[in-house]
C-alpha cells in the first residue's frame, strides 16, 4: 500500500444556480511504496464543479467532479526520476461544518486518476489515488 502526505488549495466562485460553484483546484500527493524506497508523486490542476446541500445552519454535504491536467512522477531509491503529464479527472464528496460566518471545517474524500495512461519516459502509467482530506475553508 502507498501512503503519504497531500497538500492542496482551491479558489472558487458561486454560480447563478443555488448550491453550485465552480473552482480551480491544485493538489500535490506523495506516496512511498511499503516494500521499496521508491516514491510516486502527483501534481494536478483541475477545474471542478461542486454542488452543496445544506443540512442545517451548521452542516452541509457536497459532491464534486473535475477535469484537468495530472503530472505523475516516479522516483526510485537512488534518486532517479521519471515524469509525464496528461489529462485527468477527479471525483469527491465531503461534509462541511460552518465554524464562523467566514470559516468552515471540512472532511473530504477525493479520487483522482488519468484518462487512460500517461507517457512517463516511454512507459504507459496510470496512477489512481484515493485521498482523505481535512482542512479549513475561508469565504469572504
C-alpha atoms as a PDB file:
ATOM      1  CA  UNK A   1       0.000   0.000   0.000  1.00  0.00           C
ATOM      2  CA  UNK A   2       1.091   3.547  -0.703  1.00  0.00           C
ATOM      3  CA  UNK A   3       0.614   6.276   1.885  1.00  0.00           C
ATOM      4  CA  UNK A   4       1.875   9.807   2.198  1.00  0.00           C
ATOM      5  CA  UNK A   5       1.076  13.499   2.512  1.00  0.00           C
ATOM      6  CA  UNK A   6      -1.340  15.562   0.430  1.00  0.00           C
ATOM      7  CA  UNK A   7      -1.227  19.356   0.081  1.00  0.00           C
ATOM      8  CA  UNK A   8      -3.777  21.358  -1.833  1.00  0.00           C
ATOM      9  CA  UNK A   9      -5.525  24.660  -2.343  1.00  0.00           C
ATOM     10  CA  UNK A  10      -8.510  25.830  -4.338  1.00  0.00           C
ATOM     11  CA  UNK A  11     -10.357  29.008  -5.216  1.00  0.00           C
ATOM     12  CA  UNK A  12     -13.971  29.095  -6.259  1.00  0.00           C
ATOM     13  CA  UNK A  13     -16.921  31.244  -7.228  1.00  0.00           C
ATOM     14  CA  UNK A  14     -20.638  30.780  -6.879  1.00  0.00           C
ATOM     15  CA  UNK A  15     -22.920  30.395  -9.885  1.00  0.00           C
ATOM     16  CA  UNK A  16     -26.500  31.559 -10.506  1.00  0.00           C
ATOM     17  CA  UNK A  17     -27.635  28.007  -9.668  1.00  0.00           C
ATOM     18  CA  UNK A  18     -28.188  27.707  -5.885  1.00  0.00           C
ATOM     19  CA  UNK A  19     -25.659  25.298  -4.332  1.00  0.00           C
ATOM     20  CA  UNK A  20     -23.478  25.069  -7.454  1.00  0.00           C
ATOM     21  CA  UNK A  21     -19.972  26.540  -7.534  1.00  0.00           C
ATOM     22  CA  UNK A  22     -17.001  26.386  -9.891  1.00  0.00           C
ATOM     23  CA  UNK A  23     -13.457  26.071  -8.590  1.00  0.00           C
ATOM     24  CA  UNK A  24      -9.851  25.703  -9.626  1.00  0.00           C
ATOM     25  CA  UNK A  25      -8.047  23.068  -7.554  1.00  0.00           C
ATOM     26  CA  UNK A  26      -4.287  22.452  -7.184  1.00  0.00           C
ATOM     27  CA  UNK A  27      -3.209  19.264  -5.356  1.00  0.00           C
ATOM     28  CA  UNK A  28       0.140  17.537  -4.716  1.00  0.00           C
ATOM     29  CA  UNK A  29       0.420  13.974  -3.401  1.00  0.00           C
ATOM     30  CA  UNK A  30       3.445  11.910  -2.428  1.00  0.00           C
ATOM     31  CA  UNK A  31       3.435   8.242  -1.520  1.00  0.00           C
ATOM     32  CA  UNK A  32       6.168   5.756  -0.646  1.00  0.00           C
ATOM     33  CA  UNK A  33       5.961   2.089  -1.564  1.00  0.00           C
ATOM     34  CA  UNK A  34       5.813  -0.181   1.510  1.00  0.00           C
ATOM     35  CA  UNK A  35       8.476  -2.584   0.311  1.00  0.00           C
ATOM     36  CA  UNK A  36      10.848  -0.209  -1.529  1.00  0.00           C
ATOM     37  CA  UNK A  37      12.308   3.234  -1.085  1.00  0.00           C
ATOM     38  CA  UNK A  38      10.539   4.427  -4.233  1.00  0.00           C
ATOM     39  CA  UNK A  39       8.111   7.343  -4.428  1.00  0.00           C
ATOM     40  CA  UNK A  40       5.115   8.113  -6.588  1.00  0.00           C
ATOM     41  CA  UNK A  41       4.060  11.763  -6.696  1.00  0.00           C
ATOM     42  CA  UNK A  42       1.248  13.549  -8.485  1.00  0.00           C
ATOM     43  CA  UNK A  43       0.603  17.224  -9.144  1.00  0.00           C
ATOM     44  CA  UNK A  44      -2.794  18.172 -10.527  1.00  0.00           C
ATOM     45  CA  UNK A  45      -4.591  21.274 -11.686  1.00  0.00           C
ATOM     46  CA  UNK A  46      -8.324  20.640 -12.053  1.00  0.00           C
ATOM     47  CA  UNK A  47     -11.403  22.706 -12.890  1.00  0.00           C
ATOM     48  CA  UNK A  48     -14.251  21.439 -10.688  1.00  0.00           C
ATOM     49  CA  UNK A  49     -17.975  21.826 -10.338  1.00  0.00           C
ATOM     50  CA  UNK A  50     -19.172  21.390  -6.750  1.00  0.00           C
ATOM     51  CA  UNK A  51     -22.769  21.003  -5.609  1.00  0.00           C
ATOM     52  CA  UNK A  52     -23.557  21.664  -1.938  1.00  0.00           C
ATOM     53  CA  UNK A  53     -26.684  20.777   0.044  1.00  0.00           C
ATOM     54  CA  UNK A  54     -27.130  22.484   3.416  1.00  0.00           C
ATOM     55  CA  UNK A  55     -28.401  20.090   6.084  1.00  0.00           C
ATOM     56  CA  UNK A  56     -28.973  22.903   8.604  1.00  0.00           C
ATOM     57  CA  UNK A  57     -27.307  26.215   9.568  1.00  0.00           C
ATOM     58  CA  UNK A  58     -24.060  24.428  10.535  1.00  0.00           C
ATOM     59  CA  UNK A  59     -23.610  21.321   8.387  1.00  0.00           C
ATOM     60  CA  UNK A  60     -23.558  20.773   4.623  1.00  0.00           C
ATOM     61  CA  UNK A  61     -22.648  17.879   2.336  1.00  0.00           C
ATOM     62  CA  UNK A  62     -21.224  18.236  -1.156  1.00  0.00           C
ATOM     63  CA  UNK A  63     -20.044  16.357  -4.193  1.00  0.00           C
ATOM     64  CA  UNK A  64     -17.601  17.454  -6.853  1.00  0.00           C
ATOM     65  CA  UNK A  65     -16.347  16.429 -10.264  1.00  0.00           C
ATOM     66  CA  UNK A  66     -13.493  17.920 -12.220  1.00  0.00           C
ATOM     67  CA  UNK A  67     -11.100  17.548 -15.108  1.00  0.00           C
ATOM     68  CA  UNK A  68      -7.694  18.991 -15.894  1.00  0.00           C
ATOM     69  CA  UNK A  69      -4.015  18.083 -16.022  1.00  0.00           C
ATOM     70  CA  UNK A  70      -2.243  15.420 -13.977  1.00  0.00           C
ATOM     71  CA  UNK A  71       1.550  15.126 -13.689  1.00  0.00           C
ATOM     72  CA  UNK A  72       2.886  11.764 -12.483  1.00  0.00           C
ATOM     73  CA  UNK A  73       6.457  11.491 -11.160  1.00  0.00           C
ATOM     74  CA  UNK A  74       8.206   8.283 -10.121  1.00  0.00           C
ATOM     75  CA  UNK A  75      11.427   8.471  -8.071  1.00  0.00           C
ATOM     76  CA  UNK A  76      13.471   5.339  -7.391  1.00  0.00           C
ATOM     77  CA  UNK A  77      15.660   4.526  -4.391  1.00  0.00           C
ATOM     78  CA  UNK A  78      18.806   6.011  -5.985  1.00  0.00           C
ATOM     79  CA  UNK A  79      17.117   9.335  -6.757  1.00  0.00           C
ATOM     80  CA  UNK A  80      16.428   8.943 -10.480  1.00  0.00           C
ATOM     81  CA  UNK A  81      13.100  10.460 -11.538  1.00  0.00           C
ATOM     82  CA  UNK A  82      10.753   9.999 -14.484  1.00  0.00           C
ATOM     83  CA  UNK A  83       7.638  12.053 -15.108  1.00  0.00           C
ATOM     84  CA  UNK A  84       4.879  12.760 -17.591  1.00  0.00           C
ATOM     85  CA  UNK A  85       1.723  14.853 -17.828  1.00  0.00           C
ATOM     86  CA  UNK A  86      -1.672  14.013 -19.280  1.00  0.00           C
ATOM     87  CA  UNK A  87      -5.389  14.710 -18.924  1.00  0.00           C
ATOM     88  CA  UNK A  88      -7.006  13.615 -15.677  1.00  0.00           C
ATOM     89  CA  UNK A  89     -10.178  13.759 -13.614  1.00  0.00           C
ATOM     90  CA  UNK A  90     -11.317  13.720 -10.008  1.00  0.00           C
ATOM     91  CA  UNK A  91     -14.482  12.868  -8.104  1.00  0.00           C
ATOM     92  CA  UNK A  92     -15.101  13.751  -4.486  1.00  0.00           C
ATOM     93  CA  UNK A  93     -17.575  14.073  -1.660  1.00  0.00           C
ATOM     94  CA  UNK A  94     -17.390  15.732   1.704  1.00  0.00           C
ATOM     95  CA  UNK A  95     -19.026  17.276   4.708  1.00  0.00           C
ATOM     96  CA  UNK A  96     -18.550  20.829   5.930  1.00  0.00           C
ATOM     97  CA  UNK A  97     -19.190  22.348   9.376  1.00  0.00           C
ATOM     98  CA  UNK A  98     -19.519  26.142   9.494  1.00  0.00           C
ATOM     99  CA  UNK A  99     -17.441  27.433  12.447  1.00  0.00           C
ATOM    100  CA  UNK A 100     -17.975  31.173  11.821  1.00  0.00           C
ATOM    101  CA  UNK A 101     -19.527  33.219   9.014  1.00  0.00           C
ATOM    102  CA  UNK A 102     -16.224  33.033   7.094  1.00  0.00           C
ATOM    103  CA  UNK A 103     -14.595  29.762   8.266  1.00  0.00           C
ATOM    104  CA  UNK A 104     -15.711  26.153   7.828  1.00  0.00           C
ATOM    105  CA  UNK A 105     -14.039  22.863   8.747  1.00  0.00           C
ATOM    106  CA  UNK A 106     -14.298  20.156   6.092  1.00  0.00           C
ATOM    107  CA  UNK A 107     -13.580  16.455   5.650  1.00  0.00           C
ATOM    108  CA  UNK A 108     -13.393  15.187   2.083  1.00  0.00           C
ATOM    109  CA  UNK A 109     -12.697  12.037   0.100  1.00  0.00           C
ATOM    110  CA  UNK A 110     -11.235  12.626  -3.366  1.00  0.00           C
ATOM    111  CA  UNK A 111     -10.495  10.034  -6.066  1.00  0.00           C
ATOM    112  CA  UNK A 112      -8.176  11.130  -8.850  1.00  0.00           C
ATOM    113  CA  UNK A 113      -6.900   9.388 -11.979  1.00  0.00           C
ATOM    114  CA  UNK A 114      -5.691   9.982 -15.506  1.00  0.00           C
ATOM    115  CA  UNK A 115      -7.880   9.486 -18.560  1.00  0.00           C
ATOM    116  CA  UNK A 116      -6.129   6.374 -19.878  1.00  0.00           C
ATOM    117  CA  UNK A 117      -2.366   6.204 -19.485  1.00  0.00           C
ATOM    118  CA  UNK A 118       0.240   8.948 -19.107  1.00  0.00           C
ATOM    119  CA  UNK A 119       3.522   8.602 -21.022  1.00  0.00           C
ATOM    120  CA  UNK A 120       6.236   8.632 -18.337  1.00  0.00           C
ATOM    121  CA  UNK A 121       9.519   8.473 -20.265  1.00  0.00           C
ATOM    122  CA  UNK A 122       8.180   5.864 -22.691  1.00  0.00           C
ATOM    123  CA  UNK A 123       6.179   3.823 -20.163  1.00  0.00           C
ATOM    124  CA  UNK A 124       2.373   3.911 -20.003  1.00  0.00           C
ATOM    125  CA  UNK A 125       1.474   4.773 -16.394  1.00  0.00           C
ATOM    126  CA  UNK A 126      -1.846   5.168 -14.620  1.00  0.00           C
ATOM    127  CA  UNK A 127      -1.907   6.490 -11.079  1.00  0.00           C
ATOM    128  CA  UNK A 128      -5.311   6.321  -9.407  1.00  0.00           C
ATOM    129  CA  UNK A 129      -5.175   7.959  -5.982  1.00  0.00           C
ATOM    130  CA  UNK A 130      -7.644   7.964  -3.106  1.00  0.00           C
ATOM    131  CA  UNK A 131      -7.186  10.872  -0.728  1.00  0.00           C
ATOM    132  CA  UNK A 132      -8.783  11.751   2.593  1.00  0.00           C
ATOM    133  CA  UNK A 133      -8.508  15.463   3.277  1.00  0.00           C
ATOM    134  CA  UNK A 134      -9.182  17.597   6.347  1.00  0.00           C
ATOM    135  CA  UNK A 135      -8.984  21.348   6.142  1.00  0.00           C
ATOM    136  CA  UNK A 136     -10.378  24.815   6.574  1.00  0.00           C
ATOM    137  CA  UNK A 137     -12.418  26.709   4.011  1.00  0.00           C
ATOM    138  CA  UNK A 138     -12.371  30.501   4.050  1.00  0.00           C
ATOM    139  CA  UNK A 139     -15.062  32.647   2.413  1.00  0.00           C
ATOM    140  CA  UNK A 140     -15.050  36.464   2.236  1.00  0.00           C
END
